[in-house]
Amino acid sequence: MLAAIASDSRGECCVCDLAELANVSQPTVSHHLRVLKDSGLVTSQRRATWVWYRLAPGREPTVSTLLTILNARPVPANARTSA
């Protein structure tokens, strides 16, 4: 979700976009976004019935570093799924 927000051309993502992207329920997405918000990595803004998330001001370098580290880590064998 953090990568989707960071790379979105609009500079923000709606909960509805992220739920569709992750193929999980909106409450599940909202829970994880709340964790990111509580950590100070994202901010939110309610617009009508949806909440929009964007990177917190000044956190872009931190998010970039975090995503680079996570992207470089090998996937554990027990986390892989077969096609």
PDB file of N, CA and C in Angstrom:
ATOM      1  N   MET A   1       0.808  -1.186   0.000  1.00  0.00           N
ATOM      2  CA  MET A   1       0.000   0.000   0.000  1.00  0.00           C
ATOM      3  C   MET A   1       0.859   1.260   0.000  1.00  0.00           C
ATOM      4  N   LEU A   2       1.931   1.209   0.765  1.00  0.00           N
ATOM      5  CA  LEU A   2       2.823   2.363   0.820  1.00  0.00           C
ATOM      6  C   LEU A   2       3.450   2.625  -0.546  1.00  0.00           C
ATOM      7  N   ALA A   3       3.851   1.571  -1.231  1.00  0.00           N
ATOM      8  CA  ALA A   3       4.423   1.724  -2.570  1.00  0.00           C
ATOM      9  C   ALA A   3       3.392   2.283  -3.540  1.00  0.00           C
ATOM     10  N   ALA A   4       2.156   1.844  -3.440  1.00  0.00           N
ATOM     11  CA  ALA A   4       1.102   2.343  -4.323  1.00  0.00           C
ATOM     12  C   ALA A   4       0.859   3.825  -4.099  1.00  0.00           C
ATOM     13  N   ILE A   5       0.838   4.240  -2.858  1.00  0.00           N
ATOM     14  CA  ILE A   5       0.641   5.654  -2.550  1.00  0.00           C
ATOM     15  C   ILE A   5       1.819   6.468  -3.064  1.00  0.00           C
ATOM     16  N   ALA A   6       3.026   5.986  -2.801  1.00  0.00           N
ATOM     17  CA  ALA A   6       4.234   6.718  -3.192  1.00  0.00           C
ATOM     18  C   ALA A   6       4.369   6.850  -4.700  1.00  0.00           C
ATOM     19  N   SER A   7       3.882   5.881  -5.448  1.00  0.00           N
ATOM     20  CA  SER A   7       4.068   5.897  -6.897  1.00  0.00           C
ATOM     21  C   SER A   7       2.852   6.393  -7.675  1.00  0.00           C
ATOM     22  N   ASP A   8       1.768   6.701  -7.000  1.00  0.00           N
ATOM     23  CA  ASP A   8       0.560   7.144  -7.697  1.00  0.00           C
ATOM     24  C   ASP A   8       0.786   8.496  -8.367  1.00  0.00           C
ATOM     25  N   SER A   9       0.392   8.625  -9.611  1.00  0.00           N
ATOM     26  CA  SER A   9       0.609   9.863 -10.365  1.00  0.00           C
ATOM     27  C   SER A   9      -0.152  11.047  -9.784  1.00  0.00           C
ATOM     28  N   ARG A  10      -1.217  10.777  -9.039  1.00  0.00           N
ATOM     29  CA  ARG A  10      -1.992  11.852  -8.401  1.00  0.00           C
ATOM     30  C   ARG A  10      -1.357  12.309  -7.100  1.00  0.00           C
ATOM     31  N   GLY A  11      -0.399  11.513  -6.602  1.00  0.00           N
ATOM     32  CA  GLY A  11       0.236  11.840  -5.331  1.00  0.00           C
ATOM     33  C   GLY A  11      -0.563  11.380  -4.133  1.00  0.00           C
ATOM     34  N   GLU A  12      -1.619  10.637  -4.368  1.00  0.00           N
ATOM     35  CA  GLU A  12      -2.472  10.142  -3.295  1.00  0.00           C
ATOM     36  C   GLU A  12      -3.299   8.976  -3.798  1.00  0.00           C
ATOM     37  N   CYS A  13      -3.806   8.199  -2.857  1.00  0.00           N
ATOM     38  CA  CYS A  13      -4.665   7.063  -3.190  1.00  0.00           C
ATOM     39  C   CYS A  13      -5.872   7.058  -2.273  1.00  0.00           C
ATOM     40  N   CYS A  14      -6.973   6.630  -2.822  1.00  0.00           N
ATOM     41  CA  CYS A  14      -8.204   6.458  -2.059  1.00  0.00           C
ATOM     42  C   CYS A  14      -8.236   5.038  -1.501  1.00  0.00           C
ATOM     43  N   VAL A  15      -8.875   4.883  -0.363  1.00  0.00           N
ATOM     44  CA  VAL A  15      -9.042   3.547   0.219  1.00  0.00           C
ATOM     45  C   VAL A  15      -9.654   2.604  -0.813  1.00  0.00           C
ATOM     46  N   CYS A  16     -10.609   3.105  -1.588  1.00  0.00           N
ATOM     47  CA  CYS A  16     -11.269   2.249  -2.585  1.00  0.00           C
ATOM     48  C   CYS A  16     -10.274   1.744  -3.627  1.00  0.00           C
ATOM     49  N   ASP A  17      -9.315   2.596  -4.044  1.00  0.00           N
ATOM     50  CA  ASP A  17      -8.286   2.171  -5.004  1.00  0.00           C
ATOM     51  C   ASP A  17      -7.414   1.071  -4.421  1.00  0.00           C
ATOM     52  N   LEU A  18      -7.010   1.256  -3.177  1.00  0.00           N
ATOM     53  CA  LEU A  18      -6.104   0.305  -2.537  1.00  0.00           C
ATOM     54  C   LEU A  18      -6.793  -1.021  -2.251  1.00  0.00           C
ATOM     55  N   ALA A  19      -8.072  -0.985  -1.895  1.00  0.00           N
ATOM     56  CA  ALA A  19      -8.809  -2.228  -1.649  1.00  0.00           C
ATOM     57  C   ALA A  19      -8.901  -3.041  -2.930  1.00  0.00           C
ATOM     58  N   GLU A  20      -9.131  -2.378  -4.043  1.00  0.00           N
ATOM     59  CA  GLU A  20      -9.206  -3.061  -5.334  1.00  0.00           C
ATOM     60  C   GLU A  20      -7.851  -3.625  -5.741  1.00  0.00           C
ATOM     61  N   LEU A  21      -6.814  -2.835  -5.540  1.00  0.00           N
ATOM     62  CA  LEU A  21      -5.457  -3.242  -5.888  1.00  0.00           C
ATOM     63  C   LEU A  21      -5.024  -4.479  -5.098  1.00  0.00           C
ATOM     64  N   ALA A  22      -5.332  -4.490  -3.815  1.00  0.00           N
ATOM     65  CA  ALA A  22      -4.902  -5.583  -2.943  1.00  0.00           C
ATOM     66  C   ALA A  22      -5.885  -6.740  -2.914  1.00  0.00           C
ATOM     67  N   ASN A  23      -7.054  -6.540  -3.496  1.00  0.00           N
ATOM     68  CA  ASN A  23      -8.096  -7.564  -3.506  1.00  0.00           C
ATOM     69  C   ASN A  23      -8.455  -8.019  -2.088  1.00  0.00           C
ATOM     70  N   VAL A  24      -8.592  -7.046  -1.195  1.00  0.00           N
ATOM     71  CA  VAL A  24      -9.026  -7.304   0.179  1.00  0.00           C
ATOM     72  C   VAL A  24     -10.133  -6.317   0.515  1.00  0.00           C
ATOM     73  N   SER A  25     -10.764  -6.520   1.654  1.00  0.00           N
ATOM     74  CA  SER A  25     -11.882  -5.664   2.036  1.00  0.00           C
ATOM     75  C   SER A  25     -11.415  -4.268   2.440  1.00  0.00           C
ATOM     76  N   GLN A  26     -12.312  -3.321   2.316  1.00  0.00           N
ATOM     77  CA  GLN A  26     -12.012  -1.947   2.687  1.00  0.00           C
ATOM     78  C   GLN A  26     -11.629  -1.827   4.161  1.00  0.00           C
ATOM     79  N   PRO A  27     -12.302  -2.520   5.100  1.00  0.00           N
ATOM     80  CA  PRO A  27     -11.868  -2.424   6.499  1.00  0.00           C
ATOM     81  C   PRO A  27     -10.437  -2.925   6.720  1.00  0.00           C
ATOM     82  N   THR A  28     -10.020  -3.947   5.986  1.00  0.00           N
ATOM     83  CA  THR A  28      -8.644  -4.451   6.103  1.00  0.00           C
ATOM     84  C   THR A  28      -7.656  -3.406   5.632  1.00  0.00           C
ATOM     85  N   VAL A  29      -7.947  -2.787   4.500  1.00  0.00           N
ATOM     86  CA  VAL A  29      -7.087  -1.728   3.980  1.00  0.00           C
ATOM     87  C   VAL A  29      -7.034  -0.570   4.972  1.00  0.00           C
ATOM     88  N   SER A  30      -8.188  -0.169   5.485  1.00  0.00           N
ATOM     89  CA  SER A  30      -8.242   0.945   6.435  1.00  0.00           C
ATOM     90  C   SER A  30      -7.416   0.660   7.680  1.00  0.00           C
ATOM     91  N   HIS A  31      -7.441  -0.566   8.139  1.00  0.00           N
ATOM     92  CA  HIS A  31      -6.641  -0.933   9.314  1.00  0.00           C
ATOM     93  C   HIS A  31      -5.153  -0.733   9.034  1.00  0.00           C
ATOM     94  N   HIS A  32      -4.687  -1.228   7.918  1.00  0.00           N
ATOM     95  CA  HIS A  32      -3.264  -1.110   7.589  1.00  0.00           C
ATOM     96  C   HIS A  32      -2.866   0.342   7.322  1.00  0.00           C
ATOM     97  N   LEU A  33      -3.749   1.093   6.705  1.00  0.00           N
ATOM     98  CA  LEU A  33      -3.465   2.503   6.479  1.00  0.00           C
ATOM     99  C   LEU A  33      -3.401   3.272   7.797  1.00  0.00           C
ATOM    100  N   ARG A  34      -4.211   2.862   8.753  1.00  0.00           N
ATOM    101  CA  ARG A  34      -4.176   3.491  10.077  1.00  0.00           C
ATOM    102  C   ARG A  34      -2.803   3.269  10.727  1.00  0.00           C
ATOM    103  N   VAL A  35      -2.246   2.088  10.558  1.00  0.00           N
ATOM    104  CA  VAL A  35      -0.912   1.798  11.087  1.00  0.00           C
ATOM    105  C   VAL A  35       0.121   2.711  10.430  1.00  0.00           C
ATOM    106  N   LEU A  36       0.024   2.871   9.107  1.00  0.00           N
ATOM    107  CA  LEU A  36       0.956   3.760   8.405  1.00  0.00           C
ATOM    108  C   LEU A  36       0.775   5.209   8.854  1.00  0.00           C
ATOM    109  N   LYS A  37      -0.460   5.596   9.094  1.00  0.00           N
ATOM    110  CA  LYS A  37      -0.734   6.959   9.553  1.00  0.00           C
ATOM    111  C   LYS A  37      -0.196   7.161  10.966  1.00  0.00           C
ATOM    112  N   ASP A  38      -0.445   6.207  11.843  1.00  0.00           N
ATOM    113  CA  ASP A  38       0.053   6.301  13.225  1.00  0.00           C
ATOM    114  C   ASP A  38       1.576   6.341  13.279  1.00  0.00           C
ATOM    115  N   SER A  39       2.228   5.745  12.283  1.00  0.00           N
ATOM    116  CA  SER A  39       3.695   5.748  12.242  1.00  0.00           C
ATOM    117  C   SER A  39       4.246   7.057  11.677  1.00  0.00           C
ATOM    118  N   GLY A  40       3.363   7.891  11.155  1.00  0.00           N
ATOM    119  CA  GLY A  40       3.782   9.177  10.612  1.00  0.00           C
ATOM    120  C   GLY A  40       4.235   9.138   9.169  1.00  0.00           C
ATOM    121  N   LEU A  41       4.010   8.018   8.486  1.00  0.00           N
ATOM    122  CA  LEU A  41       4.450   7.900   7.097  1.00  0.00           C
ATOM    123  C   LEU A  41       3.450   8.479   6.107  1.00  0.00           C
ATOM    124  N   VAL A  42       2.169   8.465   6.450  1.00  0.00           N
ATOM    125  CA  VAL A  42       1.140   9.007   5.558  1.00  0.00           C
ATOM    126  C   VAL A  42       0.210   9.934   6.335  1.00  0.00           C
ATOM    127  N   THR A  43      -0.481  10.773   5.590  1.00  0.00           N
ATOM    128  CA  THR A  43      -1.540  11.611   6.146  1.00  0.00           C
ATOM    129  C   THR A  43      -2.826  11.258   5.416  1.00  0.00           C
ATOM    130  N   SER A  44      -3.943  11.671   5.966  1.00  0.00           N
ATOM    131  CA  SER A  44      -5.217  11.343   5.341  1.00  0.00           C
ATOM    132  C   SER A  44      -6.124  12.565   5.289  1.00  0.00           C
ATOM    133  N   GLN A  45      -7.077  12.489   4.360  1.00  0.00           N
ATOM    134  CA  GLN A  45      -8.081  13.533   4.221  1.00  0.00           C
ATOM    135  C   GLN A  45      -9.378  12.870   3.792  1.00  0.00           C
ATOM    136  N   ARG A  46     -10.447  13.123   4.546  1.00  0.00           N
ATOM    137  CA  ARG A  46     -11.756  12.574   4.189  1.00  0.00           C
ATOM    138  C   ARG A  46     -12.398  13.473   3.137  1.00  0.00           C
ATOM    139  N   ARG A  47     -12.909  12.830   2.089  1.00  0.00           N
ATOM    140  CA  ARG A  47     -13.667  13.523   1.050  1.00  0.00           C
ATOM    141  C   ARG A  47     -14.938  12.717   0.810  1.00  0.00           C
ATOM    142  N   ALA A  48     -16.031  13.262   1.216  1.00  0.00           N
ATOM    143  CA  ALA A  48     -17.321  12.571   1.141  1.00  0.00           C
ATOM    144  C   ALA A  48     -17.229  11.259   1.927  1.00  0.00           C
ATOM    145  N   THR A  49     -17.436  10.134   1.271  1.00  0.00           N
ATOM    146  CA  THR A  49     -17.431   8.861   1.997  1.00  0.00           C
ATOM    147  C   THR A  49     -16.077   8.166   2.000  1.00  0.00           C
ATOM    148  N   TRP A  50     -15.107   8.682   1.239  1.00  0.00           N
ATOM    149  CA  TRP A  50     -13.809   8.024   1.133  1.00  0.00           C
ATOM    150  C   TRP A  50     -12.718   8.822   1.820  1.00  0.00           C
ATOM    151  N   VAL A  51     -11.675   8.116   2.223  1.00  0.00           N
ATOM    152  CA  VAL A  51     -10.499   8.755   2.810  1.00  0.00           C
ATOM    153  C   VAL A  51      -9.348   8.582   1.819  1.00  0.00           C
ATOM    154  N   TRP A  52      -8.653   9.672   1.576  1.00  0.00           N
ATOM    155  CA  TRP A  52      -7.520   9.695   0.660  1.00  0.00           C
ATOM    156  C   TRP A  52      -6.235   9.790   1.462  1.00  0.00           C
ATOM    157  N   TYR A  53      -5.215   9.047   1.038  1.00  0.00           N
ATOM    158  CA  TYR A  53      -3.931   8.994   1.740  1.00  0.00           C
ATOM    159  C   TYR A  53      -2.821   9.474   0.826  1.00  0.00           C
ATOM    160  N   ARG A  54      -1.876  10.197   1.415  1.00  0.00           N
ATOM    161  CA  ARG A  54      -0.684  10.645   0.699  1.00  0.00           C
ATOM    162  C   ARG A  54       0.494  10.554   1.646  1.00  0.00           C
ATOM    163  N   LEU A  55       1.706  10.573   1.094  1.00  0.00           N
ATOM    164  CA  LEU A  55       2.884  10.547   1.950  1.00  0.00           C
ATOM    165  C   LEU A  55       2.896  11.796   2.823  1.00  0.00           C
ATOM    166  N   ALA A  56       3.309  11.628   4.055  1.00  0.00           N
ATOM    167  CA  ALA A  56       3.415  12.769   4.961  1.00  0.00           C
ATOM    168  C   ALA A  56       4.516  13.688   4.459  1.00  0.00           C
ATOM    169  N   PRO A  57       4.316  15.000   4.596  1.00  0.00           N
ATOM    170  CA  PRO A  57       5.341  15.945   4.142  1.00  0.00           C
ATOM    171  C   PRO A  57       6.701  15.647   4.777  1.00  0.00           C
ATOM    172  N   GLY A  58       7.730  15.628   3.930  1.00  0.00           N
ATOM    173  CA  GLY A  58       9.088  15.390   4.401  1.00  0.00           C
ATOM    174  C   GLY A  58       9.448  13.934   4.623  1.00  0.00           C
ATOM    175  N   ARG A  59       8.499  13.031   4.423  1.00  0.00           N
ATOM    176  CA  ARG A  59       8.762  11.609   4.661  1.00  0.00           C
ATOM    177  C   ARG A  59       9.156  10.850   3.398  1.00  0.00           C
ATOM    178  N   GLU A  60       9.199  11.534   2.270  1.00  0.00           N
ATOM    179  CA  GLU A  60       9.531  10.874   1.007  1.00  0.00           C
ATOM    180  C   GLU A  60      10.867  10.149   1.060  1.00  0.00           C
ATOM    181  N   PRO A  61      11.949  10.759   1.595  1.00  0.00           N
ATOM    182  CA  PRO A  61      13.222  10.027   1.659  1.00  0.00           C
ATOM    183  C   PRO A  61      13.139   8.764   2.522  1.00  0.00           C
ATOM    184  N   THR A  62      12.441   8.853   3.624  1.00  0.00           N
ATOM    185  CA  THR A  62      12.282   7.693   4.503  1.00  0.00           C
ATOM    186  C   THR A  62      11.521   6.581   3.798  1.00  0.00           C
ATOM    187  N   VAL A  63      10.428   6.950   3.140  1.00  0.00           N
ATOM    188  CA  VAL A  63       9.624   5.959   2.433  1.00  0.00           C
ATOM    189  C   VAL A  63      10.424   5.339   1.293  1.00  0.00           C
ATOM    190  N   SER A  64      11.152   6.158   0.555  1.00  0.00           N
ATOM    191  CA  SER A  64      11.977   5.644  -0.540  1.00  0.00           C
ATOM    192  C   SER A  64      13.001   4.635  -0.031  1.00  0.00           C
ATOM    193  N   THR A  65      13.670   4.967   1.052  1.00  0.00           N
ATOM    194  CA  THR A  65      14.661   4.052   1.638  1.00  0.00           C
ATOM    195  C   THR A  65      13.997   2.771   2.109  1.00  0.00           C
ATOM    196  N   LEU A  66      12.892   2.894   2.791  1.00  0.00           N
ATOM    197  CA  LEU A  66      12.162   1.722   3.294  1.00  0.00           C
ATOM    198  C   LEU A  66      11.742   0.811   2.148  1.00  0.00           C
ATOM    199  N   LEU A  67      11.183   1.380   1.103  1.00  0.00           N
ATOM    200  CA  LEU A  67      10.742   0.564  -0.032  1.00  0.00           C
ATOM    201  C   LEU A  67      11.915  -0.082  -0.755  1.00  0.00           C
ATOM    202  N   THR A  68      13.032   0.607  -0.840  1.00  0.00           N
ATOM    203  CA  THR A  68      14.234   0.028  -1.461  1.00  0.00           C
ATOM    204  C   THR A  68      14.713  -1.173  -0.652  1.00  0.00           C
ATOM    205  N   ILE A  69      14.751  -1.035   0.656  1.00  0.00           N
ATOM    206  CA  ILE A  69      15.187  -2.130   1.526  1.00  0.00           C
ATOM    207  C   ILE A  69      14.248  -3.322   1.411  1.00  0.00           C
ATOM    208  N   LEU A  70      12.956  -3.053   1.471  1.00  0.00           N
ATOM    209  CA  LEU A  70      11.978  -4.142   1.397  1.00  0.00           C
ATOM    210  C   LEU A  70      11.998  -4.828   0.036  1.00  0.00           C
ATOM    211  N   ASN A  71      12.227  -4.069  -1.005  1.00  0.00           N
ATOM    212  CA  ASN A  71      12.268  -4.628  -2.356  1.00  0.00           C
ATOM    213  C   ASN A  71      13.506  -5.494  -2.574  1.00  0.00           C
ATOM    214  N   ALA A  72      14.564  -5.217  -1.849  1.00  0.00           N
ATOM    215  CA  ALA A  72      15.815  -5.958  -2.012  1.00  0.00           C
ATOM    216  C   ALA A  72      15.849  -7.257  -1.211  1.00  0.00           C
ATOM    217  N   ARG A  73      14.941  -7.390  -0.262  1.00  0.00           N
ATOM    218  CA  ARG A  73      14.940  -8.590   0.574  1.00  0.00           C
ATOM    219  C   ARG A  73      14.407  -9.781  -0.192  1.00  0.00           C
ATOM    220  N   PRO A  74      15.040 -10.941  -0.055  1.00  0.00           N
ATOM    221  CA  PRO A  74      14.522 -12.149  -0.701  1.00  0.00           C
ATOM    222  C   PRO A  74      13.218 -12.586  -0.033  1.00  0.00           C
ATOM    223  N   VAL A  75      12.353 -13.180  -0.809  1.00  0.00           N
ATOM    224  CA  VAL A  75      11.088 -13.681  -0.280  1.00  0.00           C
ATOM    225  C   VAL A  75      11.341 -15.034   0.376  1.00  0.00           C
ATOM    226  N   PRO A  76      10.949 -15.202   1.660  1.00  0.00           N
ATOM    227  CA  PRO A  76      11.147 -16.500   2.318  1.00  0.00           C
ATOM    228  C   PRO A  76      10.390 -17.607   1.593  1.00  0.00           C
ATOM    229  N   ALA A  77      10.949 -18.800   1.567  1.00  0.00           N
ATOM    230  CA  ALA A  77      10.344 -19.924   0.860  1.00  0.00           C
ATOM    231  C   ALA A  77       8.933 -20.208   1.331  1.00  0.00           C
ATOM    232  N   ASN A  78       8.671 -20.055   2.636  1.00  0.00           N
ATOM    233  CA  ASN A  78       7.340 -20.357   3.142  1.00  0.00           C
ATOM    234  C   ASN A  78       6.321 -19.268   2.818  1.00  0.00           C
ATOM    235  N   ALA A  79       6.763 -18.126   2.269  1.00  0.00           N
ATOM    236  CA  ALA A  79       5.861 -17.045   1.889  1.00  0.00           C
ATOM    237  C   ALA A  79       5.531 -17.066   0.401  1.00  0.00           C
ATOM    238  N   ARG A  80       6.212 -17.898  -0.361  1.00  0.00           N
ATOM    239  CA  ARG A  80       5.973 -17.968  -1.789  1.00  0.00           C
ATOM    240  C   ARG A  80       4.727 -18.785  -2.065  1.00  0.00           C
ATOM    241  N   THR A  81       4.025 -18.389  -3.100  1.00  0.00           N
ATOM    242  CA  THR A  81       2.861 -19.164  -3.516  1.00  0.00           C
ATOM    243  C   THR A  81       3.152 -19.763  -4.882  1.00  0.00           C
ATOM    244  N   SER A  82       2.603 -20.908  -5.129  1.00  0.00           N
ATOM    245  CA  SER A  82       2.811 -21.538  -6.435  1.00  0.00           C
ATOM    246  C   SER A  82       1.658 -21.152  -7.356  1.00  0.00           C
ATOM    247  N   ALA A  83       1.963 -21.060  -8.625  1.00  0.00           N
ATOM    248  CA  ALA A  83       0.959 -20.654  -9.615  1.00  0.00           C
ATOM    249  C   ALA A  83       0.214 -21.835 -10.142  1.00  0.00           C
TER     250      ALA A  83
END
